Structure formats: structure tokens, C-alpha cells
């Protein structure tokens, strides 16, 4: 019940890890239990902004923009929010 309270009643909770591993992060984002564990991992390792980055990149890839200017603005938004030094949600990846 807690999963439905957190993710909503339409959230998939039965996407097997093998399917996520085979099909990528898009499947992970559609899951509930694996997504919860992944978010927990990111929070423990002080890197939850990477999940938001992935979600925004997937949304960018799936969006049909009316023109090149709109596409450029959306990509610049991702750049300035995640990839620039000292950006609000800067993705910090360790060298490990």
C-alpha cells in the first residue's frame, strides 16, 4: 500500500530487473520498487540529481518540438541546470 501511496495507483511495481537491465532507464523510471531502490541509492551516495537529469533527458528525447528554437531552449535548460559548474542540480560524478 505504501508504494501506491507514494507512486500512485497506476504505477507499475512488477517490472523485473532483467527487463530494466535489457531496456534501460526508461523502464526503470516506469517501475516502482526498482525506482525506489535506485533513488535510495542515489540519496545515500549524495547524487540524486542524476535521476532528475535522466528524466529530463528522456523527456527531451521524446518531445516533438515545434521548431529548432524550442529544441535549443530545452537543451540549454538541461545544460544550465545539470552540466554547468555550480548549476542548481549539477551532476557530480566521481572518478571511481
N, C-alpha and C. Protein backbone atom coordinates (compact mmCIF):
# COMPACT_ATOMS: atom_id res chain seq x y z
N UNK A 1 0.82 -1.20 0.00
CA UNK A 1 0.00 0.00 0.00
C UNK A 1 0.87 1.27 0.00
N UNK A 2 1.99 1.23 0.71
CA UNK A 2 2.86 2.40 0.77
C UNK A 2 3.37 2.78 -0.62
N UNK A 3 3.65 1.79 -1.45
CA UNK A 3 4.11 2.08 -2.81
C UNK A 3 3.04 2.81 -3.61
N UNK A 4 1.79 2.36 -3.47
CA UNK A 4 0.71 3.04 -4.19
C UNK A 4 0.49 4.45 -3.67
N UNK A 5 0.64 4.63 -2.36
CA UNK A 5 0.51 5.97 -1.78
C UNK A 5 1.60 6.89 -2.32
N UNK A 6 2.80 6.36 -2.48
CA UNK A 6 3.93 7.18 -2.92
C UNK A 6 3.91 7.41 -4.43
N UNK A 7 3.73 6.31 -5.21
CA UNK A 7 3.85 6.40 -6.66
C UNK A 7 2.53 6.58 -7.40
N UNK A 8 1.41 6.33 -6.73
CA UNK A 8 0.12 6.41 -7.39
C UNK A 8 -0.37 5.03 -7.79
N UNK A 9 -1.67 4.93 -7.99
CA UNK A 9 -2.27 3.62 -8.24
C UNK A 9 -1.94 3.05 -9.62
N UNK A 10 -1.51 3.89 -10.55
CA UNK A 10 -1.21 3.39 -11.90
C UNK A 10 0.26 3.04 -12.07
N UNK A 11 1.07 3.14 -11.03
CA UNK A 11 2.50 2.84 -11.13
C UNK A 11 2.72 1.33 -11.25
N UNK A 12 3.61 0.96 -12.14
CA UNK A 12 3.95 -0.46 -12.30
C UNK A 12 4.90 -0.86 -11.18
N UNK A 13 4.61 -1.98 -10.53
CA UNK A 13 5.50 -2.42 -9.47
C UNK A 13 6.13 -3.76 -9.81
N UNK A 14 5.86 -4.27 -10.97
CA UNK A 14 6.31 -5.62 -11.28
C UNK A 14 7.24 -5.68 -12.49
N UNK A 15 7.93 -4.62 -12.80
CA UNK A 15 8.90 -4.66 -13.90
C UNK A 15 10.15 -5.35 -13.37
N UNK A 16 10.47 -6.54 -13.89
CA UNK A 16 11.63 -7.26 -13.38
C UNK A 16 12.94 -6.53 -13.70
N UNK A 17 13.92 -6.74 -12.83
CA UNK A 17 15.23 -6.13 -13.03
C UNK A 17 15.82 -6.50 -14.39
N UNK A 18 15.59 -7.73 -14.83
CA UNK A 18 16.13 -8.17 -16.12
C UNK A 18 15.59 -7.30 -17.26
N UNK A 19 14.31 -6.93 -17.18
CA UNK A 19 13.71 -6.07 -18.20
C UNK A 19 14.32 -4.67 -18.15
N UNK A 20 14.55 -4.17 -16.95
CA UNK A 20 15.16 -2.85 -16.79
C UNK A 20 16.57 -2.87 -17.33
N UNK A 21 17.32 -3.93 -17.00
CA UNK A 21 18.69 -4.06 -17.46
C UNK A 21 18.75 -4.14 -18.99
N UNK A 22 17.80 -4.85 -19.58
CA UNK A 22 17.77 -5.04 -21.03
C UNK A 22 17.30 -3.77 -21.77
N UNK A 23 16.32 -3.07 -21.20
CA UNK A 23 15.68 -1.96 -21.91
C UNK A 23 16.10 -0.57 -21.45
N UNK A 24 16.82 -0.48 -20.35
CA UNK A 24 17.37 0.81 -19.95
C UNK A 24 16.56 1.59 -18.94
N UNK A 25 17.01 2.81 -18.76
CA UNK A 25 16.49 3.66 -17.69
C UNK A 25 15.03 4.04 -17.90
N UNK A 26 14.56 4.03 -19.13
CA UNK A 26 13.15 4.31 -19.38
C UNK A 26 12.24 3.34 -18.66
N UNK A 27 12.64 2.07 -18.62
CA UNK A 27 11.87 1.06 -17.88
C UNK A 27 12.00 1.30 -16.38
N UNK A 28 13.20 1.68 -15.94
CA UNK A 28 13.40 1.95 -14.51
C UNK A 28 12.47 3.06 -14.04
N UNK A 29 12.34 4.10 -14.82
CA UNK A 29 11.50 5.24 -14.44
C UNK A 29 10.03 4.84 -14.40
N UNK A 30 9.65 3.84 -15.17
CA UNK A 30 8.25 3.38 -15.18
C UNK A 30 7.95 2.41 -14.05
N UNK A 31 8.98 1.93 -13.37
CA UNK A 31 8.77 0.96 -12.29
C UNK A 31 8.50 1.67 -10.98
N UNK A 32 8.23 0.90 -9.95
CA UNK A 32 8.05 1.48 -8.61
C UNK A 32 9.11 0.98 -7.66
N UNK A 33 9.14 -0.31 -7.42
CA UNK A 33 10.09 -0.85 -6.46
C UNK A 33 11.53 -0.64 -6.92
N UNK A 34 11.90 -1.02 -8.15
CA UNK A 34 13.28 -0.76 -8.57
C UNK A 34 13.63 0.73 -8.55
N UNK A 35 12.69 1.57 -8.94
CA UNK A 35 12.94 3.02 -8.92
C UNK A 35 13.17 3.51 -7.49
N UNK A 36 12.39 3.00 -6.56
CA UNK A 36 12.57 3.40 -5.15
C UNK A 36 13.95 3.00 -4.65
N UNK A 37 14.40 1.81 -5.00
CA UNK A 37 15.74 1.39 -4.59
C UNK A 37 16.82 2.24 -5.26
N UNK A 38 16.61 2.58 -6.51
CA UNK A 38 17.59 3.40 -7.22
C UNK A 38 17.67 4.81 -6.62
N UNK A 39 16.52 5.39 -6.31
CA UNK A 39 16.51 6.71 -5.67
C UNK A 39 17.18 6.64 -4.30
N UNK A 40 16.90 5.58 -3.56
CA UNK A 40 17.56 5.41 -2.25
C UNK A 40 19.07 5.35 -2.43
N UNK A 41 19.53 4.59 -3.41
CA UNK A 41 20.97 4.50 -3.69
C UNK A 41 21.55 5.88 -4.00
N UNK A 42 20.86 6.63 -4.84
CA UNK A 42 21.35 7.96 -5.20
C UNK A 42 21.38 8.89 -3.99
N UNK A 43 20.37 8.81 -3.14
CA UNK A 43 20.35 9.65 -1.95
C UNK A 43 21.48 9.29 -0.99
N UNK A 44 21.74 8.01 -0.82
CA UNK A 44 22.83 7.58 0.06
C UNK A 44 24.18 8.03 -0.48
N UNK A 45 24.33 7.98 -1.76
CA UNK A 45 25.61 8.35 -2.38
C UNK A 45 25.65 9.82 -2.79
N UNK A 46 24.72 10.61 -2.27
CA UNK A 46 24.72 12.06 -2.47
C UNK A 46 24.74 12.46 -3.94
N UNK A 47 23.90 11.79 -4.73
CA UNK A 47 23.89 12.09 -6.15
C UNK A 47 22.49 11.97 -6.76
N UNK A 48 21.42 12.41 -6.08
CA UNK A 48 20.07 12.23 -6.62
C UNK A 48 19.79 13.07 -7.86
N UNK A 49 20.58 14.12 -8.08
CA UNK A 49 20.33 14.96 -9.25
C UNK A 49 20.53 14.21 -10.56
N UNK A 50 21.25 13.11 -10.54
CA UNK A 50 21.44 12.33 -11.77
C UNK A 50 20.11 11.76 -12.24
N UNK A 51 19.26 11.34 -11.31
CA UNK A 51 17.95 10.81 -11.68
C UNK A 51 17.12 11.89 -12.37
N UNK A 52 17.13 13.09 -11.83
CA UNK A 52 16.40 14.19 -12.46
C UNK A 52 16.96 14.50 -13.84
N UNK A 53 18.28 14.42 -13.96
CA UNK A 53 18.94 14.62 -15.25
C UNK A 53 18.44 13.60 -16.26
N UNK A 54 18.45 12.31 -15.88
CA UNK A 54 17.97 11.26 -16.78
C UNK A 54 16.52 11.50 -17.19
N UNK A 55 15.68 11.84 -16.24
CA UNK A 55 14.27 12.08 -16.54
C UNK A 55 14.13 13.23 -17.54
N UNK A 56 14.86 14.32 -17.32
CA UNK A 56 14.77 15.46 -18.24
C UNK A 56 15.32 15.14 -19.62
N UNK A 57 16.39 14.34 -19.69
CA UNK A 57 16.94 13.97 -20.99
C UNK A 57 15.97 13.06 -21.74
N UNK A 58 15.37 12.11 -21.05
CA UNK A 58 14.39 11.23 -21.70
C UNK A 58 13.19 12.05 -22.18
N UNK A 59 12.73 12.97 -21.36
CA UNK A 59 11.63 13.84 -21.76
C UNK A 59 12.02 14.67 -22.99
N UNK A 60 13.25 15.18 -23.00
CA UNK A 60 13.74 15.95 -24.14
C UNK A 60 13.74 15.10 -25.41
N UNK A 61 14.24 13.85 -25.29
CA UNK A 61 14.30 12.97 -26.46
C UNK A 61 12.92 12.61 -26.99
N UNK A 62 11.95 12.50 -26.10
CA UNK A 62 10.61 12.07 -26.51
C UNK A 62 9.72 13.21 -26.98
N UNK A 63 10.13 14.44 -26.72
CA UNK A 63 9.31 15.59 -27.07
C UNK A 63 9.52 15.97 -28.53
N UNK A 64 8.43 16.26 -29.21
CA UNK A 64 8.50 16.78 -30.57
C UNK A 64 8.34 18.29 -30.46
N UNK A 65 9.39 18.99 -30.76
CA UNK A 65 9.40 20.44 -30.62
C UNK A 65 8.89 21.09 -31.90
N UNK A 66 8.16 22.20 -31.76
CA UNK A 66 7.58 22.85 -32.94
C UNK A 66 8.62 23.46 -33.87
N UNK A 67 9.79 23.79 -33.31
CA UNK A 67 10.84 24.39 -34.13
C UNK A 67 12.18 24.20 -33.45
N UNK A 68 13.25 24.55 -34.16
CA UNK A 68 14.61 24.38 -33.64
C UNK A 68 14.88 25.27 -32.43
N UNK A 69 14.26 26.43 -32.39
CA UNK A 69 14.48 27.35 -31.27
C UNK A 69 13.96 26.72 -29.97
N UNK A 70 12.80 26.11 -30.02
CA UNK A 70 12.24 25.45 -28.84
C UNK A 70 13.13 24.30 -28.39
N UNK A 71 13.61 23.53 -29.34
CA UNK A 71 14.51 22.42 -29.03
C UNK A 71 15.81 22.93 -28.41
N UNK A 72 16.34 24.00 -28.96
CA UNK A 72 17.57 24.60 -28.43
C UNK A 72 17.36 25.13 -27.01
N UNK A 73 16.23 25.77 -26.77
CA UNK A 73 15.94 26.29 -25.43
C UNK A 73 15.84 25.15 -24.41
N UNK A 74 15.20 24.06 -24.80
CA UNK A 74 15.06 22.92 -23.90
C UNK A 74 16.43 22.29 -23.61
N UNK A 75 17.25 22.17 -24.63
CA UNK A 75 18.59 21.60 -24.41
C UNK A 75 19.46 22.53 -23.57
N UNK A 76 19.33 23.83 -23.77
CA UNK A 76 20.08 24.80 -22.96
C UNK A 76 19.64 24.72 -21.50
N UNK A 77 18.36 24.48 -21.28
CA UNK A 77 17.84 24.34 -19.92
C UNK A 77 18.50 23.15 -19.21
N UNK A 78 18.63 22.04 -19.91
CA UNK A 78 19.30 20.87 -19.35
C UNK A 78 20.76 21.19 -19.06
N UNK A 79 21.40 21.84 -19.99
CA UNK A 79 22.82 22.21 -19.81
C UNK A 79 23.01 23.10 -18.59
N UNK A 80 22.21 24.14 -18.48
CA UNK A 80 22.40 25.08 -17.38
C UNK A 80 21.95 24.53 -16.03
N UNK A 81 21.02 23.59 -16.02
CA UNK A 81 20.55 23.03 -14.76
C UNK A 81 21.43 21.90 -14.23
N UNK A 82 22.08 21.15 -15.13
CA UNK A 82 22.77 19.94 -14.70
C UNK A 82 24.26 19.88 -15.03
N UNK A 83 24.69 20.49 -16.10
CA UNK A 83 26.04 20.23 -16.58
C UNK A 83 27.03 21.37 -16.40
N UNK A 84 26.56 22.54 -16.10
CA UNK A 84 27.47 23.67 -15.87
C UNK A 84 27.97 23.65 -14.43
N UNK A 85 29.20 24.07 -14.24
CA UNK A 85 29.76 24.15 -12.90
C UNK A 85 28.91 25.09 -12.05
N UNK A 86 28.60 24.66 -10.83
CA UNK A 86 27.79 25.40 -9.87
C UNK A 86 26.35 25.60 -10.33
N UNK A 87 25.87 24.75 -11.23
CA UNK A 87 24.46 24.84 -11.63
C UNK A 87 23.59 24.32 -10.49
N UNK A 88 22.30 24.65 -10.49
CA UNK A 88 21.43 24.27 -9.36
C UNK A 88 21.43 22.78 -9.05
N UNK A 89 21.44 21.94 -10.06
CA UNK A 89 21.42 20.49 -9.87
C UNK A 89 22.64 19.83 -10.54
N UNK A 90 23.78 20.43 -10.34
CA UNK A 90 25.00 19.96 -11.00
C UNK A 90 25.21 18.47 -10.76
N UNK A 91 25.39 17.74 -11.84
CA UNK A 91 25.65 16.30 -11.74
C UNK A 91 27.13 16.10 -11.43
N UNK A 92 27.37 15.59 -10.25
CA UNK A 92 28.74 15.34 -9.82
C UNK A 92 28.99 13.84 -9.93
N UNK A 93 29.89 13.47 -10.80
CA UNK A 93 30.22 12.06 -11.00
C UNK A 93 31.64 11.84 -10.50
N UNK A 94 31.77 10.90 -9.60
CA UNK A 94 33.11 10.64 -9.05
C UNK A 94 33.97 9.95 -10.09
N UNK A 95 35.26 9.97 -9.88
CA UNK A 95 36.18 9.33 -10.82
C UNK A 95 36.43 7.87 -10.46
N UNK A 96 35.67 7.34 -9.51
CA UNK A 96 35.83 5.93 -9.09
C UNK A 96 35.39 4.97 -10.16
